Every structure is written in structure tokens, then in C-alpha cells.
Amino acid sequence: MTAGENPNVTGLRAKTPTGARARDADQKRAGSRQLSLFELGTAEAIVAPVEVKTPPPVKPVAAKPALIRAGARLIDERPSRVLCADDMPAYSDDAHESVAAALEALPRAQLWFTYKDIQFFFGVSRATVARRLREGLVPGVRMAGSSVVEDAPVRRFDRGQLKWLLLALRHRPRQQAR
């Protein structure tokens, strides 16, 4: 015997079975109720009736107003109006011609323009465009009092709106005779 061995062990252990034999032996020893594919008749006898309980009724909890506003956009319920081309100031014919030439240089396939596109093509910042919108110089924009109402998460301008925006950026309106 060598150091560290148990003195009560006198012989080699018997080889333990592996695979299907070991599984079957374990099931017999444990009294397992696991069914095989061919024991369908006994499965019906083993199934016990199940009692289904209904959950207690759930009472909705009113959310705090601050939580409601934090996650969702608020709907502006103030009376609003949509600006039209008749509301726009009068610009000179030269101004209209120069803006028409600038619009011809834009890609024909592009129908909508974002703040980023306007910055890329014309070098006009988002803040400047927002100021012109607030001044009421672009048709098709919904105004509530003196503020611009958001129409979508991303504002897009069509070519007609872009024309009036460029007119407002590049040229001063003709002064009306008093």
C-alpha cells in the first residue's frame, strides 16, 4: 500500500456500466416514472388531474403625469393654421430666377430634403432654417400661435417649400408701398 490510499480498499473496483445500460439501471434503482416511446398505455394512468386556478383580478395603476410626458410626445392642442403660398411675402423676379437655377442643380431623384440635406447642398444651418420657419416664411408649415408645430420626428421639405426657404434665406422681400 502506498501513502494516501485508504487501507479499507483491498481490491480494484468493478467497472461501472456506461451508456444505455447505466441509464436503465439508474431508472430501475430510482423508480423513475420516465416513459419510453412504447409505454403510451401506462402514460394515461400516470397523468393526474390538474387544478387550474384563475389569477386574481389586476387593478390598473394610474401613472404619474411626469412619467407619461417623459416617454411620449405631447399633442399640441392649441388652435393651429397651416401657412400657404398666399401668406408668403413678395420677392423680386430676379430672386425667383436665382432660386429656380439653384433648384435645377439638385438631384432629380431626390424629392424630400432634411435639415442635413439643406446644410450639405446650400450650407445653411439647422438653426437658421428653424428661424425662418418660426418667422412664417415657408408654406406648408403648421403654426400654433408664433411657434412651429412638429409634424414628424424628422422634418422634411419638398421642392416647393425649399424654394420659399431659399427665397427667405437669400433675398429680402420687396417692401410694400405704404
Protein backbone atom coordinates (compact mmCIF):
# COMPACT_ATOMS: atom_id res chain seq x y z
CA MET A 1 0.00 0.00 0.00
CA THR A 2 1.24 3.50 -0.77
CA ALA A 3 0.87 6.66 1.22
CA GLY A 4 -2.50 8.41 0.92
CA GLU A 5 -4.51 5.31 -0.02
CA ASN A 6 -7.45 4.15 2.02
CA PRO A 7 -6.45 0.98 3.97
CA ASN A 8 -10.03 -0.38 3.77
CA VAL A 9 -9.90 -0.74 -0.01
CA THR A 10 -8.40 -4.09 -0.78
CA GLY A 11 -9.20 -4.69 -4.43
CA LEU A 12 -9.94 -2.95 -7.64
CA ARG A 13 -13.37 -1.53 -8.19
CA ALA A 14 -15.68 -3.19 -10.62
CA LYS A 15 -16.07 -1.38 -13.93
CA THR A 16 -19.17 0.85 -13.86
CA PRO A 17 -21.55 0.45 -16.79
CA THR A 18 -21.96 3.37 -19.22
CA GLY A 19 -24.47 4.28 -21.91
CA ALA A 20 -27.89 2.68 -22.16
CA ARG A 21 -27.17 0.02 -19.54
CA ALA A 22 -26.26 2.62 -16.94
CA ARG A 23 -29.37 4.69 -17.76
CA ASP A 24 -31.67 1.68 -17.48
CA ALA A 25 -30.06 0.62 -14.20
CA ASP A 26 -30.39 4.14 -12.79
CA GLN A 27 -34.07 4.24 -13.73
CA LYS A 28 -34.75 0.92 -12.02
CA ARG A 29 -32.94 1.99 -8.86
CA ALA A 30 -34.62 5.40 -8.66
CA GLY A 31 -38.06 4.08 -9.52
CA SER A 32 -38.27 6.63 -12.30
CA ARG A 33 -41.59 7.27 -13.99
CA GLN A 34 -39.97 8.42 -17.22
CA LEU A 35 -41.77 6.80 -20.11
CA SER A 36 -40.28 5.27 -23.16
CA LEU A 37 -41.79 5.57 -26.60
CA PHE A 38 -43.67 2.32 -26.25
CA GLU A 39 -45.30 2.87 -22.85
CA LEU A 40 -48.18 5.06 -24.04
CA GLY A 41 -50.88 2.96 -22.34
CA THR A 42 -49.34 3.45 -18.93
CA ALA A 43 -48.88 7.19 -19.50
CA GLU A 44 -52.62 7.81 -19.37
CA ALA A 45 -52.83 6.09 -15.99
CA ILE A 46 -50.00 8.22 -14.56
CA VAL A 47 -51.41 11.62 -15.54
CA ALA A 48 -53.04 13.27 -12.55
CA PRO A 49 -55.86 15.81 -12.84
CA VAL A 50 -54.61 19.38 -12.82
CA GLU A 51 -56.47 22.10 -10.98
CA VAL A 52 -56.44 25.40 -12.87
CA LYS A 53 -56.68 28.47 -10.71
CA THR A 54 -57.71 31.85 -12.07
CA PRO A 55 -55.35 34.68 -11.19
CA PRO A 56 -56.66 37.48 -9.01
CA PRO A 57 -58.02 40.48 -10.90
CA VAL A 58 -55.43 43.11 -11.79
CA LYS A 59 -56.20 46.66 -10.83
CA PRO A 60 -54.60 49.23 -13.19
CA VAL A 61 -52.34 51.76 -11.55
CA ALA A 62 -52.61 55.35 -12.68
CA ALA A 63 -49.26 56.64 -13.92
CA LYS A 64 -47.90 59.91 -12.71
CA PRO A 65 -48.24 62.74 -15.24
CA ALA A 66 -44.47 63.29 -15.29
CA LEU A 67 -43.95 59.68 -16.38
CA ILE A 68 -46.49 59.97 -19.15
CA ARG A 69 -44.79 63.05 -20.60
CA ALA A 70 -41.31 61.56 -20.35
CA GLY A 71 -41.84 58.73 -22.82
CA ALA A 72 -44.39 60.04 -25.29
CA ARG A 73 -44.73 63.13 -27.39
CA LEU A 74 -47.28 65.60 -26.21
CA ILE A 75 -50.03 66.51 -28.60
CA ASP A 76 -50.31 70.23 -29.13
CA GLU A 77 -54.00 71.07 -28.77
CA ARG A 78 -53.69 74.78 -29.40
CA PRO A 79 -55.55 76.11 -32.44
CA SER A 80 -53.21 75.95 -35.41
CA ARG A 81 -53.08 77.02 -39.01
CA VAL A 82 -51.09 75.86 -42.00
CA LEU A 83 -49.21 78.53 -43.90
CA CYS A 84 -49.91 78.70 -47.63
CA ALA A 85 -48.22 80.42 -50.60
CA ASP A 86 -50.61 83.40 -50.27
CA ASP A 87 -49.15 84.10 -46.81
CA MET A 88 -45.62 84.42 -48.22
CA PRO A 89 -44.03 87.83 -48.82
CA ALA A 90 -43.44 89.18 -52.34
CA TYR A 91 -39.95 88.57 -53.76
CA SER A 92 -38.43 90.07 -56.88
CA ASP A 93 -38.39 88.22 -60.20
CA ASP A 94 -34.58 88.05 -60.05
CA ALA A 95 -34.83 86.29 -56.70
CA HIS A 96 -37.24 83.71 -58.12
CA GLU A 97 -34.95 83.09 -61.13
CA SER A 98 -31.82 82.61 -58.99
CA VAL A 99 -33.59 80.16 -56.67
CA ALA A 100 -35.03 78.25 -59.66
CA ALA A 101 -31.47 77.87 -61.02
CA ALA A 102 -30.27 76.58 -57.64
CA LEU A 103 -33.10 74.04 -57.51
CA GLU A 104 -32.24 72.81 -61.03
CA ALA A 105 -28.77 71.86 -59.77
CA LEU A 106 -30.26 69.46 -57.19
CA PRO A 107 -30.54 65.73 -57.99
CA ARG A 108 -33.80 64.98 -59.83
CA ALA A 109 -34.41 61.74 -57.92
CA GLN A 110 -34.46 63.46 -54.54
CA LEU A 111 -37.95 64.65 -53.61
CA TRP A 112 -37.60 65.35 -49.89
CA PHE A 113 -34.91 67.35 -48.12
CA THR A 114 -33.96 67.24 -44.44
CA TYR A 115 -32.01 69.78 -42.42
CA LYS A 116 -28.87 67.77 -43.16
CA ASP A 117 -29.53 67.89 -46.93
CA ILE A 118 -30.05 71.66 -46.82
CA GLN A 119 -26.78 72.02 -44.92
CA PHE A 120 -24.99 69.83 -47.48
CA PHE A 121 -26.35 71.49 -50.65
CA PHE A 122 -26.64 75.12 -49.53
CA GLY A 123 -24.51 75.47 -46.37
CA VAL A 124 -27.42 76.69 -44.26
CA SER A 125 -27.52 75.53 -40.65
CA ARG A 126 -30.47 73.88 -38.96
CA ALA A 127 -30.85 76.83 -36.59
CA THR A 128 -31.17 79.29 -39.48
CA VAL A 129 -33.78 77.11 -41.18
CA ALA A 130 -35.68 76.82 -37.88
CA ARG A 131 -35.65 80.62 -37.50
CA ARG A 132 -37.11 81.08 -40.99
CA LEU A 133 -39.80 78.53 -40.18
CA ARG A 134 -40.64 80.39 -36.96
CA GLU A 135 -40.87 83.66 -38.92
CA GLY A 136 -43.56 82.07 -41.10
CA LEU A 137 -41.61 82.24 -44.37
CA VAL A 138 -42.15 78.65 -45.55
CA PRO A 139 -45.57 77.40 -46.77
CA GLY A 140 -46.95 74.05 -45.64
CA VAL A 141 -45.73 74.51 -42.07
CA ARG A 142 -48.25 74.27 -39.25
CA MET A 143 -48.10 77.13 -36.78
CA ALA A 144 -49.70 77.33 -33.34
CA GLY A 145 -49.51 80.95 -32.35
CA SER A 146 -45.95 82.00 -33.06
CA SER A 147 -44.39 78.55 -32.70
CA VAL A 148 -43.88 75.81 -35.27
CA VAL A 149 -45.76 72.55 -34.63
CA GLU A 150 -43.76 69.36 -35.20
CA ASP A 151 -45.30 67.23 -37.90
CA ALA A 152 -42.97 64.22 -37.56
CA PRO A 153 -39.82 63.18 -35.72
CA VAL A 154 -37.81 64.33 -38.76
CA ARG A 155 -38.92 67.40 -40.71
CA ARG A 156 -38.71 67.02 -44.48
CA PHE A 157 -39.15 69.76 -47.05
CA ASP A 158 -40.44 69.25 -50.59
CA ARG A 159 -39.13 71.28 -53.54
CA GLY A 160 -41.85 73.92 -53.21
CA GLN A 161 -41.05 74.51 -49.55
CA LEU A 162 -37.34 74.51 -50.35
CA LYS A 163 -37.93 77.22 -52.96
CA TRP A 164 -39.58 79.52 -50.42
CA LEU A 165 -36.96 78.71 -47.81
CA LEU A 166 -34.16 79.67 -50.21
CA LEU A 167 -36.01 82.87 -51.12
CA ALA A 168 -36.25 83.75 -47.43
CA LEU A 169 -32.56 82.98 -46.90
CA ARG A 170 -31.08 84.75 -49.92
CA HIS A 171 -33.32 87.72 -50.59
CA ARG A 172 -35.24 90.27 -48.62
CA PRO A 173 -38.89 90.62 -49.55
CA ARG A 174 -40.00 93.57 -51.64
CA GLN A 175 -41.24 96.38 -49.41
CA GLN A 176 -44.93 97.07 -49.86
CA ALA A 177 -45.86 100.65 -50.84
CA ARG A 178 -47.50 102.47 -47.98
